[in-house]
């Protein structure tokens, strides 16, 4: 669909700029029609539904209402936020050993802790997306929760940057 719009837009611009006569316009229109047919054929070959295809299924049109208890979601996100903030605070207050080997071990210990929480966040984000696709979360609620999870990921990114700085080590 995007390709069709681009092609049509380009043809309109070209015709306006070149001052096409009717004969050239008809030829260009035929070419556009041929290109559109080729695009549709390719989409069908690749089993890609076009917006006008009656088999296209919209699982959530963004107008749905949230049917799940959002307080549980908010509690879970709050717990993840607290955990990320705790990790960040602990990393900010690390005592770095004088021994390089111990410093690297410390780095990997905290790196694993960060990665474990990132994995939990990714899984939870997938759960929320599934709820949205199943019309259990409205688009607005889904985006709100998704942004909150992104904020937590940003906390973890800053904690990891601080860890690398303090340990003078980057994997």
C-alpha atoms as a PDB file:
ATOM      1  CA  UNK A   1       0.000   0.000   0.000  1.00  0.00           C
ATOM      2  CA  UNK A   2       2.821   2.391   0.839  1.00  0.00           C
ATOM      3  CA  UNK A   3       4.461   1.577  -2.478  1.00  0.00           C
ATOM      4  CA  UNK A   4       1.248   2.355  -4.337  1.00  0.00           C
ATOM      5  CA  UNK A   5       0.960   5.717  -2.647  1.00  0.00           C
ATOM      6  CA  UNK A   6       4.598   6.517  -3.409  1.00  0.00           C
ATOM      7  CA  UNK A   7       4.223   5.542  -7.049  1.00  0.00           C
ATOM      8  CA  UNK A   8       1.032   7.512  -7.520  1.00  0.00           C
ATOM      9  CA  UNK A   9       2.502  10.520  -5.732  1.00  0.00           C
ATOM     10  CA  UNK A  10       5.610  10.414  -7.902  1.00  0.00           C
ATOM     11  CA  UNK A  11       3.554  10.162 -11.067  1.00  0.00           C
ATOM     12  CA  UNK A  12       1.407  13.109 -10.061  1.00  0.00           C
ATOM     13  CA  UNK A  13       4.493  15.178  -9.305  1.00  0.00           C
ATOM     14  CA  UNK A  14       6.161  14.177 -12.571  1.00  0.00           C
ATOM     15  CA  UNK A  15       3.054  15.007 -14.565  1.00  0.00           C
ATOM     16  CA  UNK A  16       2.743  18.393 -12.892  1.00  0.00           C
ATOM     17  CA  UNK A  17       6.404  19.230 -13.405  1.00  0.00           C
ATOM     18  CA  UNK A  18       6.616  18.077 -17.013  1.00  0.00           C
ATOM     19  CA  UNK A  19       3.243  19.351 -18.144  1.00  0.00           C
ATOM     20  CA  UNK A  20       2.199  16.016 -19.583  1.00  0.00           C
ATOM     21  CA  UNK A  21      -0.363  15.959 -22.319  1.00  0.00           C
ATOM     22  CA  UNK A  22      -3.356  13.627 -22.100  1.00  0.00           C
ATOM     23  CA  UNK A  23      -1.674  10.859 -24.120  1.00  0.00           C
ATOM     24  CA  UNK A  24       1.342  10.677 -21.803  1.00  0.00           C
ATOM     25  CA  UNK A  25      -0.930  10.805 -18.760  1.00  0.00           C
ATOM     26  CA  UNK A  26      -2.889   7.824 -20.063  1.00  0.00           C
ATOM     27  CA  UNK A  27       0.331   5.887 -20.621  1.00  0.00           C
ATOM     28  CA  UNK A  28       1.519   6.703 -17.112  1.00  0.00           C
ATOM     29  CA  UNK A  29      -1.827   5.699 -15.651  1.00  0.00           C
ATOM     30  CA  UNK A  30      -1.616   2.370 -17.445  1.00  0.00           C
ATOM     31  CA  UNK A  31       1.854   1.846 -16.040  1.00  0.00           C
ATOM     32  CA  UNK A  32       0.608   2.667 -12.553  1.00  0.00           C
ATOM     33  CA  UNK A  33      -2.234   0.196 -12.965  1.00  0.00           C
ATOM     34  CA  UNK A  34       0.232  -2.473 -14.115  1.00  0.00           C
ATOM     35  CA  UNK A  35       2.484  -1.756 -11.148  1.00  0.00           C
ATOM     36  CA  UNK A  36      -0.453  -1.935  -8.747  1.00  0.00           C
ATOM     37  CA  UNK A  37      -1.437  -5.302 -10.214  1.00  0.00           C
ATOM     38  CA  UNK A  38       2.121  -6.567  -9.837  1.00  0.00           C
ATOM     39  CA  UNK A  39       2.238  -5.366  -6.224  1.00  0.00           C
ATOM     40  CA  UNK A  40      -1.071  -7.070  -5.459  1.00  0.00           C
ATOM     41  CA  UNK A  41       0.173 -10.252  -7.120  1.00  0.00           C
ATOM     42  CA  UNK A  42       3.368 -10.216  -5.079  1.00  0.00           C
ATOM     43  CA  UNK A  43       1.449  -9.589  -1.884  1.00  0.00           C
ATOM     44  CA  UNK A  44      -0.834 -12.530  -2.634  1.00  0.00           C
ATOM     45  CA  UNK A  45       2.137 -14.761  -3.410  1.00  0.00           C
ATOM     46  CA  UNK A  46       3.654 -13.886  -0.042  1.00  0.00           C
ATOM     47  CA  UNK A  47       0.322 -14.332   1.756  1.00  0.00           C
ATOM     48  CA  UNK A  48       0.250 -10.731   2.855  1.00  0.00           C
ATOM     49  CA  UNK A  49      -3.203  -9.290   3.361  1.00  0.00           C
ATOM     50  CA  UNK A  50      -3.923  -5.894   1.913  1.00  0.00           C
ATOM     51  CA  UNK A  51      -6.148  -3.449   3.765  1.00  0.00           C
ATOM     52  CA  UNK A  52      -8.999  -4.055   1.294  1.00  0.00           C
ATOM     53  CA  UNK A  53      -8.726  -7.822   1.721  1.00  0.00           C
ATOM     54  CA  UNK A  54     -11.818  -9.154   3.458  1.00  0.00           C
ATOM     55  CA  UNK A  55      -9.743 -11.737   5.313  1.00  0.00           C
ATOM     56  CA  UNK A  56      -7.788  -9.057   7.168  1.00  0.00           C
ATOM     57  CA  UNK A  57      -8.468  -9.394  10.853  1.00  0.00           C
ATOM     58  CA  UNK A  58      -8.127  -6.482  13.193  1.00  0.00           C
ATOM     59  CA  UNK A  59      -7.626  -7.924  16.631  1.00  0.00           C
ATOM     60  CA  UNK A  60      -7.865  -4.604  18.410  1.00  0.00           C
ATOM     61  CA  UNK A  61      -8.856  -1.434  16.652  1.00  0.00           C
ATOM     62  CA  UNK A  62      -7.716   0.767  19.531  1.00  0.00           C
ATOM     63  CA  UNK A  63     -11.258   1.584  20.528  1.00  0.00           C
ATOM     64  CA  UNK A  64     -11.650  -1.369  22.868  1.00  0.00           C
ATOM     65  CA  UNK A  65     -12.081  -1.104  26.579  1.00  0.00           C
ATOM     66  CA  UNK A  66      -9.830  -2.587  29.203  1.00  0.00           C
ATOM     67  CA  UNK A  67     -11.447  -5.659  30.710  1.00  0.00           C
ATOM     68  CA  UNK A  68      -8.662  -6.761  33.075  1.00  0.00           C
ATOM     69  CA  UNK A  69      -7.823  -5.482  36.516  1.00  0.00           C
ATOM     70  CA  UNK A  70      -5.269  -2.759  35.829  1.00  0.00           C
ATOM     71  CA  UNK A  71      -4.366  -2.390  39.498  1.00  0.00           C
ATOM     72  CA  UNK A  72      -2.541  -5.735  39.264  1.00  0.00           C
ATOM     73  CA  UNK A  73      -0.628  -4.480  36.233  1.00  0.00           C
ATOM     74  CA  UNK A  74       0.190  -1.226  38.005  1.00  0.00           C
ATOM     75  CA  UNK A  75       1.408  -3.164  41.065  1.00  0.00           C
ATOM     76  CA  UNK A  76       3.641  -5.383  38.933  1.00  0.00           C
ATOM     77  CA  UNK A  77       5.116  -2.400  37.087  1.00  0.00           C
ATOM     78  CA  UNK A  78       5.645  -0.621  40.398  1.00  0.00           C
ATOM     79  CA  UNK A  79       7.521  -3.669  41.741  1.00  0.00           C
ATOM     80  CA  UNK A  80       9.716  -3.741  38.642  1.00  0.00           C
ATOM     81  CA  UNK A  81      10.357  -0.018  38.988  1.00  0.00           C
ATOM     82  CA  UNK A  82      11.345  -0.454  42.653  1.00  0.00           C
ATOM     83  CA  UNK A  83      13.637  -3.339  41.725  1.00  0.00           C
ATOM     84  CA  UNK A  84      15.321  -1.294  38.958  1.00  0.00           C
ATOM     85  CA  UNK A  85      15.727   1.727  41.230  1.00  0.00           C
ATOM     86  CA  UNK A  86      17.212  -0.503  43.921  1.00  0.00           C
ATOM     87  CA  UNK A  87      19.693  -1.956  41.414  1.00  0.00           C
ATOM     88  CA  UNK A  88      20.638   1.532  40.263  1.00  0.00           C
ATOM     89  CA  UNK A  89      21.118   2.788  43.837  1.00  0.00           C
ATOM     90  CA  UNK A  90      23.220  -0.244  44.769  1.00  0.00           C
ATOM     91  CA  UNK A  91      25.421   0.230  41.728  1.00  0.00           C
ATOM     92  CA  UNK A  92      25.840   3.944  42.489  1.00  0.00           C
ATOM     93  CA  UNK A  93      27.057   3.005  45.984  1.00  0.00           C
ATOM     94  CA  UNK A  94      29.356   0.152  44.983  1.00  0.00           C
ATOM     95  CA  UNK A  95      32.678  -0.241  46.659  1.00  0.00           C
ATOM     96  CA  UNK A  96      35.080  -1.234  43.907  1.00  0.00           C
ATOM     97  CA  UNK A  97      37.733  -3.773  44.941  1.00  0.00           C
ATOM     98  CA  UNK A  98      41.387  -3.010  44.307  1.00  0.00           C
ATOM     99  CA  UNK A  99      41.858  -6.401  42.692  1.00  0.00           C
ATOM    100  CA  UNK A 100      41.004  -6.258  38.956  1.00  0.00           C
ATOM    101  CA  UNK A 101      39.755  -9.836  38.893  1.00  0.00           C
ATOM    102  CA  UNK A 102      37.337  -9.141  41.754  1.00  0.00           C
ATOM    103  CA  UNK A 103      36.199  -5.963  40.025  1.00  0.00           C
ATOM    104  CA  UNK A 104      35.367  -7.908  36.873  1.00  0.00           C
ATOM    105  CA  UNK A 105      33.535 -10.520  38.941  1.00  0.00           C
ATOM    106  CA  UNK A 106      31.564  -7.736  40.590  1.00  0.00           C
ATOM    107  CA  UNK A 107      30.753  -6.316  37.181  1.00  0.00           C
ATOM    108  CA  UNK A 108      29.383  -9.656  35.956  1.00  0.00           C
ATOM    109  CA  UNK A 109      27.373 -10.177  39.121  1.00  0.00           C
ATOM    110  CA  UNK A 110      25.563  -6.878  38.632  1.00  0.00           C
ATOM    111  CA  UNK A 111      25.356  -7.316  34.863  1.00  0.00           C
ATOM    112  CA  UNK A 112      23.508 -10.623  35.397  1.00  0.00           C
ATOM    113  CA  UNK A 113      21.164  -8.914  37.869  1.00  0.00           C
ATOM    114  CA  UNK A 114      20.371  -6.212  35.318  1.00  0.00           C
ATOM    115  CA  UNK A 115      19.854  -8.744  32.530  1.00  0.00           C
ATOM    116  CA  UNK A 116      17.524 -10.849  34.684  1.00  0.00           C
ATOM    117  CA  UNK A 117      15.265  -7.866  35.285  1.00  0.00           C
ATOM    118  CA  UNK A 118      15.424  -6.894  31.600  1.00  0.00           C
ATOM    119  CA  UNK A 119      14.269 -10.409  30.719  1.00  0.00           C
ATOM    120  CA  UNK A 120      11.360 -10.124  33.173  1.00  0.00           C
ATOM    121  CA  UNK A 121      10.422  -6.771  31.637  1.00  0.00           C
ATOM    122  CA  UNK A 122      10.486  -8.200  28.105  1.00  0.00           C
ATOM    123  CA  UNK A 123       8.272 -11.109  29.141  1.00  0.00           C
ATOM    124  CA  UNK A 124       5.831  -8.807  30.885  1.00  0.00           C
ATOM    125  CA  UNK A 125       5.743  -6.481  27.899  1.00  0.00           C
ATOM    126  CA  UNK A 126       4.860  -9.510  25.750  1.00  0.00           C
ATOM    127  CA  UNK A 127       2.071 -10.421  28.194  1.00  0.00           C
ATOM    128  CA  UNK A 128       0.662  -6.906  27.975  1.00  0.00           C
ATOM    129  CA  UNK A 129       0.825  -7.006  24.194  1.00  0.00           C
ATOM    130  CA  UNK A 130      -1.056 -10.293  24.215  1.00  0.00           C
ATOM    131  CA  UNK A 131      -3.705  -8.731  26.462  1.00  0.00           C
ATOM    132  CA  UNK A 132      -4.010  -5.842  24.022  1.00  0.00           C
ATOM    133  CA  UNK A 133      -4.295  -8.158  21.016  1.00  0.00           C
ATOM    134  CA  UNK A 134      -6.963 -10.164  22.851  1.00  0.00           C
ATOM    135  CA  UNK A 135      -8.967  -6.987  23.507  1.00  0.00           C
ATOM    136  CA  UNK A 136      -8.338  -7.177  27.233  1.00  0.00           C
ATOM    137  CA  UNK A 137      -6.422  -3.865  27.270  1.00  0.00           C
ATOM    138  CA  UNK A 138      -7.364  -0.708  25.453  1.00  0.00           C
ATOM    139  CA  UNK A 139      -4.740   0.871  23.233  1.00  0.00           C
ATOM    140  CA  UNK A 140      -4.408   3.796  25.624  1.00  0.00           C
ATOM    141  CA  UNK A 141      -3.784   1.546  28.620  1.00  0.00           C
ATOM    142  CA  UNK A 142      -1.396  -0.638  26.657  1.00  0.00           C
ATOM    143  CA  UNK A 143       0.669   2.387  25.526  1.00  0.00           C
ATOM    144  CA  UNK A 144       0.694   3.817  29.064  1.00  0.00           C
ATOM    145  CA  UNK A 145       2.002   0.579  30.543  1.00  0.00           C
ATOM    146  CA  UNK A 146       4.453   0.109  27.683  1.00  0.00           C
ATOM    147  CA  UNK A 147       5.899   3.596  28.294  1.00  0.00           C
ATOM    148  CA  UNK A 148       6.269   2.817  31.989  1.00  0.00           C
ATOM    149  CA  UNK A 149       8.193  -0.350  31.143  1.00  0.00           C
ATOM    150  CA  UNK A 150      10.407   1.658  28.789  1.00  0.00           C
ATOM    151  CA  UNK A 151      11.126   4.088  31.635  1.00  0.00           C
ATOM    152  CA  UNK A 152      12.232   1.157  33.795  1.00  0.00           C
ATOM    153  CA  UNK A 153      14.467  -0.088  30.976  1.00  0.00           C
ATOM    154  CA  UNK A 154      16.022   3.392  30.860  1.00  0.00           C
ATOM    155  CA  UNK A 155      16.794   3.149  34.594  1.00  0.00           C
ATOM    156  CA  UNK A 156      18.535  -0.158  33.940  1.00  0.00           C
ATOM    157  CA  UNK A 157      20.469   1.328  31.016  1.00  0.00           C
ATOM    158  CA  UNK A 158      21.732   4.132  33.243  1.00  0.00           C
ATOM    159  CA  UNK A 159      22.627   1.600  35.951  1.00  0.00           C
ATOM    160  CA  UNK A 160      24.580  -0.460  33.433  1.00  0.00           C
ATOM    161  CA  UNK A 161      26.400   2.647  32.163  1.00  0.00           C
ATOM    162  CA  UNK A 162      27.281   3.557  35.745  1.00  0.00           C
ATOM    163  CA  UNK A 163      28.457  -0.002  36.405  1.00  0.00           C
ATOM    164  CA  UNK A 164      30.740   0.119  33.369  1.00  0.00           C
ATOM    165  CA  UNK A 165      32.103   3.491  34.444  1.00  0.00           C
ATOM    166  CA  UNK A 166      32.754   2.480  38.034  1.00  0.00           C
ATOM    167  CA  UNK A 167      34.363  -0.856  37.200  1.00  0.00           C
ATOM    168  CA  UNK A 168      36.127   0.514  34.152  1.00  0.00           C
ATOM    169  CA  UNK A 169      34.946  -2.597  32.344  1.00  0.00           C
ATOM    170  CA  UNK A 170      32.660  -3.105  29.363  1.00  0.00           C
ATOM    171  CA  UNK A 171      31.844  -6.481  27.919  1.00  0.00           C
END
